[in-house]
């Protein structure tokens, strides 16, 4: 009961701060609701169509919020910007949240969404027949997990993965950034631990790892497509993101990596159109325009 009350309060707070951060910014990008069938029931989504992406991949986006917060509304401005700046068609997926639905519900929803979208690409507006699987924070976790779980046929349709400060490892791994940025806002180490515990429920860490909850621990990491991975300095997730980029590179995956030295967790989607957000949007657009070819990493 306490977990549900805490989740309800934090969800309201997250919606308020997101709306406040983006107040006064609008877009004329066409968008509308979408229903995606899945074994667990319909998954709500939103379709954003910039109208100019015939030669570009369709982007499937999974929102952040610790698998507990967030939704179509909190990331609506970001998805508008993503479609606008890249000229890509974007589909945002509203997966089930914890504590009402613990792991692997969210991961199953995201995988089901990718599989269904891959089979219906001609229904969503212009694209080049390929997908980019994207997400921020917990959504980055779900994006990576989905890429790792795809069958060979669908995996061949995925041109890239966009992972924005992703959560990819168990907090018990004790990455140094959990200590260095334990009190950084808006994501503290304690809050991230609570997110993980709420998401995994009663499932043991070993079982969660074997079922793909922690992409950094995966043994098929080479299944990821060309990847654009972003980390922020003031973020407990900083070091696991860096480790993930290094593991991908070692496995032969084409990786573009960028570290934002002055940014905090959430800068991409929750803090409004700040300078770092704009730099990231430009980087994503360039990565897609260049055909997802890996460029030189930005050093920390």
C-alpha atoms as a PDB file:
ATOM      1  CA  UNK A   1       0.000   0.000   0.000  1.00  0.00           C
ATOM      2  CA  UNK A   2       2.845   2.406   0.862  1.00  0.00           C
ATOM      3  CA  UNK A   3       4.591   1.679  -2.435  1.00  0.00           C
ATOM      4  CA  UNK A   4       1.415   2.425  -4.398  1.00  0.00           C
ATOM      5  CA  UNK A   5       0.850   5.700  -2.535  1.00  0.00           C
ATOM      6  CA  UNK A   6       4.473   6.765  -3.068  1.00  0.00           C
ATOM      7  CA  UNK A   7       4.223   5.869  -6.752  1.00  0.00           C
ATOM      8  CA  UNK A   8       0.981   7.854  -7.129  1.00  0.00           C
ATOM      9  CA  UNK A   9       2.497  10.949  -5.515  1.00  0.00           C
ATOM     10  CA  UNK A  10       5.693  10.761  -7.541  1.00  0.00           C
ATOM     11  CA  UNK A  11       3.744  10.284 -10.763  1.00  0.00           C
ATOM     12  CA  UNK A  12       1.763  13.446 -10.111  1.00  0.00           C
ATOM     13  CA  UNK A  13       4.938  15.349  -9.261  1.00  0.00           C
ATOM     14  CA  UNK A  14       6.705  14.093 -12.391  1.00  0.00           C
ATOM     15  CA  UNK A  15       3.826  15.178 -14.622  1.00  0.00           C
ATOM     16  CA  UNK A  16       3.781  18.624 -13.014  1.00  0.00           C
ATOM     17  CA  UNK A  17       7.512  19.305 -13.335  1.00  0.00           C
ATOM     18  CA  UNK A  18       7.589  17.983 -16.894  1.00  0.00           C
ATOM     19  CA  UNK A  19       4.693  20.233 -17.922  1.00  0.00           C
ATOM     20  CA  UNK A  20       6.312  23.205 -16.179  1.00  0.00           C
ATOM     21  CA  UNK A  21       9.681  22.615 -17.856  1.00  0.00           C
ATOM     22  CA  UNK A  22       8.132  22.569 -21.320  1.00  0.00           C
ATOM     23  CA  UNK A  23       5.585  25.355 -20.776  1.00  0.00           C
ATOM     24  CA  UNK A  24       5.415  27.751 -23.704  1.00  0.00           C
ATOM     25  CA  UNK A  25       6.969  25.352 -26.201  1.00  0.00           C
ATOM     26  CA  UNK A  26       4.780  23.807 -28.865  1.00  0.00           C
ATOM     27  CA  UNK A  27       5.076  22.047 -32.187  1.00  0.00           C
ATOM     28  CA  UNK A  28       2.955  21.622 -35.273  1.00  0.00           C
ATOM     29  CA  UNK A  29       3.997  17.981 -35.692  1.00  0.00           C
ATOM     30  CA  UNK A  30       0.972  15.801 -36.385  1.00  0.00           C
ATOM     31  CA  UNK A  31       0.309  13.205 -33.694  1.00  0.00           C
ATOM     32  CA  UNK A  32      -2.448  10.896 -32.550  1.00  0.00           C
ATOM     33  CA  UNK A  33      -3.298   7.909 -30.385  1.00  0.00           C
ATOM     34  CA  UNK A  34      -2.440   4.333 -31.211  1.00  0.00           C
ATOM     35  CA  UNK A  35      -3.436   0.915 -29.854  1.00  0.00           C
ATOM     36  CA  UNK A  36      -0.913  -1.919 -30.066  1.00  0.00           C
ATOM     37  CA  UNK A  37      -2.159  -5.491 -29.520  1.00  0.00           C
ATOM     38  CA  UNK A  38      -0.209  -7.740 -27.171  1.00  0.00           C
ATOM     39  CA  UNK A  39      -0.754 -11.028 -25.301  1.00  0.00           C
ATOM     40  CA  UNK A  40      -1.420  -9.025 -22.103  1.00  0.00           C
ATOM     41  CA  UNK A  41      -3.960  -6.712 -23.743  1.00  0.00           C
ATOM     42  CA  UNK A  42      -3.842  -3.495 -25.764  1.00  0.00           C
ATOM     43  CA  UNK A  43      -0.851  -1.208 -25.245  1.00  0.00           C
ATOM     44  CA  UNK A  44      -1.520   2.493 -25.666  1.00  0.00           C
ATOM     45  CA  UNK A  45       0.844   4.555 -27.751  1.00  0.00           C
ATOM     46  CA  UNK A  46       1.225   7.807 -29.652  1.00  0.00           C
ATOM     47  CA  UNK A  47       2.213   8.234 -33.265  1.00  0.00           C
ATOM     48  CA  UNK A  48       4.194  11.346 -34.241  1.00  0.00           C
ATOM     49  CA  UNK A  49       4.558  12.045 -37.942  1.00  0.00           C
ATOM     50  CA  UNK A  50       6.871  14.804 -39.102  1.00  0.00           C
ATOM     51  CA  UNK A  51       5.968  13.941 -42.678  1.00  0.00           C
ATOM     52  CA  UNK A  52       9.497  13.819 -44.063  1.00  0.00           C
ATOM     53  CA  UNK A  53      10.967  10.499 -43.017  1.00  0.00           C
ATOM     54  CA  UNK A  54      10.571   8.360 -46.131  1.00  0.00           C
ATOM     55  CA  UNK A  55      14.339   7.799 -46.251  1.00  0.00           C
ATOM     56  CA  UNK A  56      14.737   7.425 -42.475  1.00  0.00           C
ATOM     57  CA  UNK A  57      13.930   4.737 -39.891  1.00  0.00           C
ATOM     58  CA  UNK A  58      10.855   4.767 -37.697  1.00  0.00           C
ATOM     59  CA  UNK A  59      11.753   5.422 -34.051  1.00  0.00           C
ATOM     60  CA  UNK A  60      10.084   3.356 -31.309  1.00  0.00           C
ATOM     61  CA  UNK A  61      10.477   5.234 -28.022  1.00  0.00           C
ATOM     62  CA  UNK A  62      10.180   3.941 -24.435  1.00  0.00           C
ATOM     63  CA  UNK A  63       9.885   6.621 -21.756  1.00  0.00           C
ATOM     64  CA  UNK A  64      11.903   6.828 -18.574  1.00  0.00           C
ATOM     65  CA  UNK A  65      10.700   7.196 -15.002  1.00  0.00           C
ATOM     66  CA  UNK A  66      12.170   4.205 -13.187  1.00  0.00           C
ATOM     67  CA  UNK A  67       9.564   1.767 -14.576  1.00  0.00           C
ATOM     68  CA  UNK A  68       7.240   3.413 -12.019  1.00  0.00           C
ATOM     69  CA  UNK A  69       6.692   6.976 -13.238  1.00  0.00           C
ATOM     70  CA  UNK A  70       6.358   8.566 -16.637  1.00  0.00           C
ATOM     71  CA  UNK A  71       4.037   7.994 -19.534  1.00  0.00           C
ATOM     72  CA  UNK A  72       2.825   9.403 -22.804  1.00  0.00           C
ATOM     73  CA  UNK A  73       2.153  12.826 -21.278  1.00  0.00           C
ATOM     74  CA  UNK A  74       5.477  13.331 -19.481  1.00  0.00           C
ATOM     75  CA  UNK A  75       7.464  12.561 -22.639  1.00  0.00           C
ATOM     76  CA  UNK A  76       5.081  14.091 -25.164  1.00  0.00           C
ATOM     77  CA  UNK A  77       7.170  17.273 -25.673  1.00  0.00           C
ATOM     78  CA  UNK A  78      10.328  15.214 -26.094  1.00  0.00           C
ATOM     79  CA  UNK A  79       8.706  12.951 -28.687  1.00  0.00           C
ATOM     80  CA  UNK A  80       7.444  15.986 -30.600  1.00  0.00           C
ATOM     81  CA  UNK A  81      10.999  17.338 -30.638  1.00  0.00           C
ATOM     82  CA  UNK A  82      12.439  13.965 -31.608  1.00  0.00           C
ATOM     83  CA  UNK A  83      10.119  13.691 -34.602  1.00  0.00           C
ATOM     84  CA  UNK A  84      10.608  17.326 -35.557  1.00  0.00           C
ATOM     85  CA  UNK A  85      14.399  17.407 -35.357  1.00  0.00           C
ATOM     86  CA  UNK A  86      14.994  14.043 -37.049  1.00  0.00           C
ATOM     87  CA  UNK A  87      12.057  14.178 -39.524  1.00  0.00           C
ATOM     88  CA  UNK A  88      11.349  10.586 -38.449  1.00  0.00           C
ATOM     89  CA  UNK A  89       8.044   9.001 -37.621  1.00  0.00           C
ATOM     90  CA  UNK A  90       8.058   8.248 -33.874  1.00  0.00           C
ATOM     91  CA  UNK A  91       5.910   5.814 -31.884  1.00  0.00           C
ATOM     92  CA  UNK A  92       5.879   6.268 -28.088  1.00  0.00           C
ATOM     93  CA  UNK A  93       4.863   3.157 -26.139  1.00  0.00           C
ATOM     94  CA  UNK A  94       2.937   3.331 -22.849  1.00  0.00           C
ATOM     95  CA  UNK A  95       4.084   0.115 -21.183  1.00  0.00           C
ATOM     96  CA  UNK A  96       2.721  -1.188 -17.854  1.00  0.00           C
ATOM     97  CA  UNK A  97       4.220   0.350 -14.703  1.00  0.00           C
ATOM     98  CA  UNK A  98       5.289  -1.020 -11.313  1.00  0.00           C
ATOM     99  CA  UNK A  99       4.316  -1.578  -8.554  1.00  0.00           C
ATOM    100  CA  UNK A 100       0.984  -2.556 -10.134  1.00  0.00           C
ATOM    101  CA  UNK A 101       2.835  -4.589 -12.760  1.00  0.00           C
ATOM    102  CA  UNK A 102       6.310  -5.779 -11.786  1.00  0.00           C
ATOM    103  CA  UNK A 103       9.067  -7.218 -13.974  1.00  0.00           C
ATOM    104  CA  UNK A 104       8.866  -8.560 -16.614  1.00  0.00           C
ATOM    105  CA  UNK A 105       5.577  -6.803 -17.530  1.00  0.00           C
ATOM    106  CA  UNK A 106       7.178  -3.630 -18.911  1.00  0.00           C
ATOM    107  CA  UNK A 107       9.833  -5.589 -20.825  1.00  0.00           C
ATOM    108  CA  UNK A 108       7.188  -7.897 -22.285  1.00  0.00           C
ATOM    109  CA  UNK A 109       5.079  -4.936 -23.404  1.00  0.00           C
ATOM    110  CA  UNK A 110       8.042  -3.264 -25.088  1.00  0.00           C
ATOM    111  CA  UNK A 111       9.126  -6.432 -26.864  1.00  0.00           C
ATOM    112  CA  UNK A 112       5.557  -7.089 -28.016  1.00  0.00           C
ATOM    113  CA  UNK A 113       5.293  -3.505 -29.272  1.00  0.00           C
ATOM    114  CA  UNK A 114       8.514  -3.727 -31.301  1.00  0.00           C
ATOM    115  CA  UNK A 115       7.495  -7.051 -32.828  1.00  0.00           C
ATOM    116  CA  UNK A 116       4.054  -5.746 -33.826  1.00  0.00           C
ATOM    117  CA  UNK A 117       5.334  -2.425 -35.170  1.00  0.00           C
ATOM    118  CA  UNK A 118       7.996  -4.242 -37.208  1.00  0.00           C
ATOM    119  CA  UNK A 119       5.232  -6.201 -38.904  1.00  0.00           C
ATOM    120  CA  UNK A 120       3.129  -3.120 -39.698  1.00  0.00           C
ATOM    121  CA  UNK A 121       5.674  -0.519 -40.785  1.00  0.00           C
ATOM    122  CA  UNK A 122       3.672   0.487 -43.839  1.00  0.00           C
ATOM    123  CA  UNK A 123       0.756   1.552 -41.622  1.00  0.00           C
ATOM    124  CA  UNK A 124       2.465   4.449 -39.829  1.00  0.00           C
ATOM    125  CA  UNK A 125       3.564   6.944 -42.400  1.00  0.00           C
ATOM    126  CA  UNK A 126       6.864   7.410 -44.187  1.00  0.00           C
ATOM    127  CA  UNK A 127       9.958   5.416 -43.209  1.00  0.00           C
ATOM    128  CA  UNK A 128      12.682   3.415 -44.951  1.00  0.00           C
ATOM    129  CA  UNK A 129      11.531   0.047 -43.593  1.00  0.00           C
ATOM    130  CA  UNK A 130      13.929   0.098 -40.642  1.00  0.00           C
ATOM    131  CA  UNK A 131      13.538   0.772 -36.915  1.00  0.00           C
ATOM    132  CA  UNK A 132      15.488   2.621 -34.251  1.00  0.00           C
ATOM    133  CA  UNK A 133      14.698   1.393 -30.736  1.00  0.00           C
ATOM    134  CA  UNK A 134      15.063   4.279 -28.276  1.00  0.00           C
ATOM    135  CA  UNK A 135      14.567   5.148 -24.638  1.00  0.00           C
ATOM    136  CA  UNK A 136      15.776   7.315 -21.776  1.00  0.00           C
ATOM    137  CA  UNK A 137      16.780   6.006 -18.338  1.00  0.00           C
ATOM    138  CA  UNK A 138      14.466   3.070 -17.526  1.00  0.00           C
ATOM    139  CA  UNK A 139      13.283   3.367 -21.113  1.00  0.00           C
ATOM    140  CA  UNK A 140      16.893   2.922 -22.208  1.00  0.00           C
ATOM    141  CA  UNK A 141      16.948  -0.290 -20.198  1.00  0.00           C
ATOM    142  CA  UNK A 142      13.797  -1.463 -21.960  1.00  0.00           C
ATOM    143  CA  UNK A 143      15.143  -0.473 -25.382  1.00  0.00           C
ATOM    144  CA  UNK A 144      18.360  -2.426 -24.847  1.00  0.00           C
ATOM    145  CA  UNK A 145      16.463  -5.394 -23.405  1.00  0.00           C
ATOM    146  CA  UNK A 146      14.094  -5.455 -26.375  1.00  0.00           C
ATOM    147  CA  UNK A 147      17.003  -5.409 -28.842  1.00  0.00           C
ATOM    148  CA  UNK A 148      18.614  -8.331 -27.023  1.00  0.00           C
ATOM    149  CA  UNK A 149      15.382 -10.371 -27.044  1.00  0.00           C
ATOM    150  CA  UNK A 150      14.352  -9.906 -30.685  1.00  0.00           C
ATOM    151  CA  UNK A 151      14.276 -12.871 -33.018  1.00  0.00           C
ATOM    152  CA  UNK A 152      16.588 -12.866 -36.006  1.00  0.00           C
ATOM    153  CA  UNK A 153      13.947 -11.717 -38.471  1.00  0.00           C
ATOM    154  CA  UNK A 154      12.897  -8.625 -36.530  1.00  0.00           C
ATOM    155  CA  UNK A 155      16.476  -7.891 -35.477  1.00  0.00           C
ATOM    156  CA  UNK A 156      17.347  -7.533 -39.162  1.00  0.00           C
ATOM    157  CA  UNK A 157      14.844  -4.668 -39.361  1.00  0.00           C
ATOM    158  CA  UNK A 158      16.468  -2.719 -36.515  1.00  0.00           C
ATOM    159  CA  UNK A 159      19.003  -0.208 -37.788  1.00  0.00           C
ATOM    160  CA  UNK A 160      19.965   1.336 -34.471  1.00  0.00           C
ATOM    161  CA  UNK A 161      19.475   1.764 -30.739  1.00  0.00           C
ATOM    162  CA  UNK A 162      19.304   5.176 -29.046  1.00  0.00           C
ATOM    163  CA  UNK A 163      20.094   4.822 -25.339  1.00  0.00           C
ATOM    164  CA  UNK A 164      19.922   8.002 -23.261  1.00  0.00           C
ATOM    165  CA  UNK A 165      21.535   7.602 -19.805  1.00  0.00           C
ATOM    166  CA  UNK A 166      20.226   4.018 -19.635  1.00  0.00           C
ATOM    167  CA  UNK A 167      19.825   1.913 -16.482  1.00  0.00           C
ATOM    168  CA  UNK A 168      21.622  -1.268 -17.496  1.00  0.00           C
ATOM    169  CA  UNK A 169      23.042  -2.821 -14.313  1.00  0.00           C
ATOM    170  CA  UNK A 170      22.078  -3.868 -10.808  1.00  0.00           C
ATOM    171  CA  UNK A 171      22.769  -1.167  -8.223  1.00  0.00           C
ATOM    172  CA  UNK A 172      24.517  -3.847  -6.150  1.00  0.00           C
ATOM    173  CA  UNK A 173      27.347  -3.688  -8.686  1.00  0.00           C
ATOM    174  CA  UNK A 174      28.397  -0.562  -6.775  1.00  0.00           C
ATOM    175  CA  UNK A 175      29.486   1.628  -9.667  1.00  0.00           C
ATOM    176  CA  UNK A 176      31.401   4.631  -8.351  1.00  0.00           C
ATOM    177  CA  UNK A 177      28.849   7.116  -9.682  1.00  0.00           C
ATOM    178  CA  UNK A 178      26.290   5.751  -7.210  1.00  0.00           C
ATOM    179  CA  UNK A 179      28.507   7.190  -4.479  1.00  0.00           C
ATOM    180  CA  UNK A 180      29.828  10.287  -6.271  1.00  0.00           C
ATOM    181  CA  UNK A 181      26.336  11.397  -7.276  1.00  0.00           C
ATOM    182  CA  UNK A 182      24.305   9.808  -4.514  1.00  0.00           C
ATOM    183  CA  UNK A 183      22.549  13.109  -3.774  1.00  0.00           C
ATOM    184  CA  UNK A 184      22.472  14.582  -7.273  1.00  0.00           C
ATOM    185  CA  UNK A 185      19.132  15.861  -8.453  1.00  0.00           C
ATOM    186  CA  UNK A 186      16.739  14.934  -9.867  1.00  0.00           C
ATOM    187  CA  UNK A 187      17.816  11.279  -9.571  1.00  0.00           C
ATOM    188  CA  UNK A 188      19.428  10.259  -6.292  1.00  0.00           C
ATOM    189  CA  UNK A 189      21.030   6.880  -5.640  1.00  0.00           C
ATOM    190  CA  UNK A 190      18.358   6.041  -3.047  1.00  0.00           C
ATOM    191  CA  UNK A 191      15.564   6.834  -5.493  1.00  0.00           C
ATOM    192  CA  UNK A 192      17.183   4.668  -8.162  1.00  0.00           C
ATOM    193  CA  UNK A 193      17.469   1.782  -5.704  1.00  0.00           C
ATOM    194  CA  UNK A 194      13.784   2.184  -4.869  1.00  0.00           C
ATOM    195  CA  UNK A 195      12.920   2.165  -8.565  1.00  0.00           C
ATOM    196  CA  UNK A 196      14.790  -1.089  -9.091  1.00  0.00           C
ATOM    197  CA  UNK A 197      13.307  -2.745  -6.001  1.00  0.00           C
ATOM    198  CA  UNK A 198       9.789  -1.651  -6.982  1.00  0.00           C
ATOM    199  CA  UNK A 199      10.226  -2.818 -10.561  1.00  0.00           C
ATOM    200  CA  UNK A 200      11.661  -6.230  -9.672  1.00  0.00           C
ATOM    201  CA  UNK A 201       9.213  -6.856  -6.823  1.00  0.00           C
ATOM    202  CA  UNK A 202       9.953 -10.128  -5.050  1.00  0.00           C
ATOM    203  CA  UNK A 203      12.067 -11.489  -7.880  1.00  0.00           C
ATOM    204  CA  UNK A 204      15.619 -12.289  -6.836  1.00  0.00           C
ATOM    205  CA  UNK A 205      18.511 -10.488  -8.503  1.00  0.00           C
ATOM    206  CA  UNK A 206      19.891 -13.715  -9.959  1.00  0.00           C
ATOM    207  CA  UNK A 207      16.526 -14.572 -11.523  1.00  0.00           C
ATOM    208  CA  UNK A 208      16.146 -11.007 -12.799  1.00  0.00           C
ATOM    209  CA  UNK A 209      19.571 -11.192 -14.429  1.00  0.00           C
ATOM    210  CA  UNK A 210      18.792 -14.516 -16.112  1.00  0.00           C
ATOM    211  CA  UNK A 211      15.589 -13.005 -17.524  1.00  0.00           C
ATOM    212  CA  UNK A 212      17.329  -9.997 -19.047  1.00  0.00           C
ATOM    213  CA  UNK A 213      16.661  -7.236 -16.501  1.00  0.00           C
ATOM    214  CA  UNK A 214      20.293  -6.064 -16.603  1.00  0.00           C
ATOM    215  CA  UNK A 215      21.528  -5.591 -20.197  1.00  0.00           C
ATOM    216  CA  UNK A 216      25.123  -4.982 -19.048  1.00  0.00           C
ATOM    217  CA  UNK A 217      25.194  -8.592 -17.823  1.00  0.00           C
ATOM    218  CA  UNK A 218      23.881 -10.068 -21.089  1.00  0.00           C
ATOM    219  CA  UNK A 219      25.997 -12.634 -22.934  1.00  0.00           C
ATOM    220  CA  UNK A 220      24.575 -11.754 -26.367  1.00  0.00           C
ATOM    221  CA  UNK A 221      25.545  -8.087 -26.323  1.00  0.00           C
ATOM    222  CA  UNK A 222      26.638  -8.323 -29.954  1.00  0.00           C
ATOM    223  CA  UNK A 223      22.944  -8.568 -30.903  1.00  0.00           C
ATOM    224  CA  UNK A 224      22.564  -4.830 -30.394  1.00  0.00           C
ATOM    225  CA  UNK A 225      22.523  -2.750 -33.567  1.00  0.00           C
ATOM    226  CA  UNK A 226      24.560   0.396 -34.177  1.00  0.00           C
ATOM    227  CA  UNK A 227      24.121   2.357 -30.959  1.00  0.00           C
ATOM    228  CA  UNK A 228      24.103   5.997 -29.929  1.00  0.00           C
ATOM    229  CA  UNK A 229      24.665   6.041 -26.164  1.00  0.00           C
ATOM    230  CA  UNK A 230      24.537   9.155 -24.000  1.00  0.00           C
ATOM    231  CA  UNK A 231      25.520   9.672 -20.363  1.00  0.00           C
ATOM    232  CA  UNK A 232      25.268  12.650 -17.995  1.00  0.00           C
ATOM    233  CA  UNK A 233      27.828  13.614 -15.359  1.00  0.00           C
ATOM    234  CA  UNK A 234      25.492  14.299 -12.394  1.00  0.00           C
ATOM    235  CA  UNK A 235      23.863  10.895 -12.533  1.00  0.00           C
ATOM    236  CA  UNK A 236      24.172   7.693 -10.480  1.00  0.00           C
ATOM    237  CA  UNK A 237      23.785   5.811 -13.787  1.00  0.00           C
ATOM    238  CA  UNK A 238      26.830   7.466 -15.344  1.00  0.00           C
ATOM    239  CA  UNK A 239      29.345   4.657 -14.886  1.00  0.00           C
ATOM    240  CA  UNK A 240      27.135   1.759 -15.939  1.00  0.00           C
ATOM    241  CA  UNK A 241      26.343   3.662 -19.126  1.00  0.00           C
ATOM    242  CA  UNK A 242      30.054   4.108 -19.787  1.00  0.00           C
ATOM    243  CA  UNK A 243      30.670   0.412 -19.062  1.00  0.00           C
ATOM    244  CA  UNK A 244      27.887  -0.538 -21.455  1.00  0.00           C
ATOM    245  CA  UNK A 245      29.385   1.550 -24.257  1.00  0.00           C
ATOM    246  CA  UNK A 246      32.758  -0.100 -23.664  1.00  0.00           C
ATOM    247  CA  UNK A 247      31.248  -3.596 -23.648  1.00  0.00           C
ATOM    248  CA  UNK A 248      29.347  -2.909 -26.869  1.00  0.00           C
ATOM    249  CA  UNK A 249      32.490  -1.634 -28.553  1.00  0.00           C
ATOM    250  CA  UNK A 250      34.459  -4.686 -27.406  1.00  0.00           C
ATOM    251  CA  UNK A 251      31.749  -6.924 -28.883  1.00  0.00           C
ATOM    252  CA  UNK A 252      32.103  -5.246 -32.268  1.00  0.00           C
ATOM    253  CA  UNK A 253      28.974  -3.091 -32.104  1.00  0.00           C
ATOM    254  CA  UNK A 254      29.251   0.289 -33.858  1.00  0.00           C
ATOM    255  CA  UNK A 255      28.984   2.806 -31.019  1.00  0.00           C
ATOM    256  CA  UNK A 256      28.653   6.574 -30.935  1.00  0.00           C
ATOM    257  CA  UNK A 257      29.184   7.680 -27.338  1.00  0.00           C
ATOM    258  CA  UNK A 258      28.708  11.168 -25.908  1.00  0.00           C
ATOM    259  CA  UNK A 259      29.154  12.259 -22.313  1.00  0.00           C
ATOM    260  CA  UNK A 260      27.514  15.518 -21.228  1.00  0.00           C
ATOM    261  CA  UNK A 261      29.926  16.955 -18.672  1.00  0.00           C
ATOM    262  CA  UNK A 262      27.615  19.664 -17.294  1.00  0.00           C
ATOM    263  CA  UNK A 263      24.320  17.773 -17.450  1.00  0.00           C
ATOM    264  CA  UNK A 264      22.228  15.943 -14.882  1.00  0.00           C
ATOM    265  CA  UNK A 265      20.019  12.916 -15.311  1.00  0.00           C
ATOM    266  CA  UNK A 266      16.827  13.921 -17.096  1.00  0.00           C
ATOM    267  CA  UNK A 267      18.344  16.714 -19.167  1.00  0.00           C
ATOM    268  CA  UNK A 268      17.132  15.200 -22.423  1.00  0.00           C
ATOM    269  CA  UNK A 269      13.423  14.943 -21.712  1.00  0.00           C
ATOM    270  CA  UNK A 270      12.427  16.319 -18.310  1.00  0.00           C
ATOM    271  CA  UNK A 271      14.231  19.642 -18.047  1.00  0.00           C
ATOM    272  CA  UNK A 272      12.844  21.411 -21.068  1.00  0.00           C
ATOM    273  CA  UNK A 273      14.715  22.614 -24.162  1.00  0.00           C
ATOM    274  CA  UNK A 274      17.982  23.574 -22.464  1.00  0.00           C
ATOM    275  CA  UNK A 275      21.313  23.854 -24.291  1.00  0.00           C
ATOM    276  CA  UNK A 276      22.305  20.232 -23.616  1.00  0.00           C
ATOM    277  CA  UNK A 277      18.917  19.000 -24.825  1.00  0.00           C
ATOM    278  CA  UNK A 278      19.359  20.956 -28.055  1.00  0.00           C
ATOM    279  CA  UNK A 279      22.879  19.585 -28.524  1.00  0.00           C
ATOM    280  CA  UNK A 280      21.554  16.057 -28.045  1.00  0.00           C
ATOM    281  CA  UNK A 281      18.752  16.587 -30.565  1.00  0.00           C
ATOM    282  CA  UNK A 282      21.284  17.813 -33.102  1.00  0.00           C
ATOM    283  CA  UNK A 283      23.496  14.799 -32.418  1.00  0.00           C
ATOM    284  CA  UNK A 284      20.616  12.336 -32.847  1.00  0.00           C
ATOM    285  CA  UNK A 285      19.547  13.985 -36.096  1.00  0.00           C
ATOM    286  CA  UNK A 286      23.115  13.850 -37.435  1.00  0.00           C
ATOM    287  CA  UNK A 287      23.523  10.201 -36.414  1.00  0.00           C
ATOM    288  CA  UNK A 288      20.363   9.235 -38.270  1.00  0.00           C
ATOM    289  CA  UNK A 289      21.154  11.436 -41.270  1.00  0.00           C
ATOM    290  CA  UNK A 290      24.574   9.789 -41.564  1.00  0.00           C
ATOM    291  CA  UNK A 291      22.968   6.353 -41.694  1.00  0.00           C
ATOM    292  CA  UNK A 292      23.769   5.409 -38.066  1.00  0.00           C
ATOM    293  CA  UNK A 293      27.465   5.157 -38.848  1.00  0.00           C
ATOM    294  CA  UNK A 294      29.633   5.254 -35.723  1.00  0.00           C
ATOM    295  CA  UNK A 295      31.719   8.366 -35.357  1.00  0.00           C
ATOM    296  CA  UNK A 296      34.471   9.384 -32.984  1.00  0.00           C
ATOM    297  CA  UNK A 297      33.512   9.162 -29.325  1.00  0.00           C
ATOM    298  CA  UNK A 298      33.405  12.327 -27.262  1.00  0.00           C
ATOM    299  CA  UNK A 299      35.885  11.817 -24.468  1.00  0.00           C
ATOM    300  CA  UNK A 300      34.958  12.398 -20.851  1.00  0.00           C
END
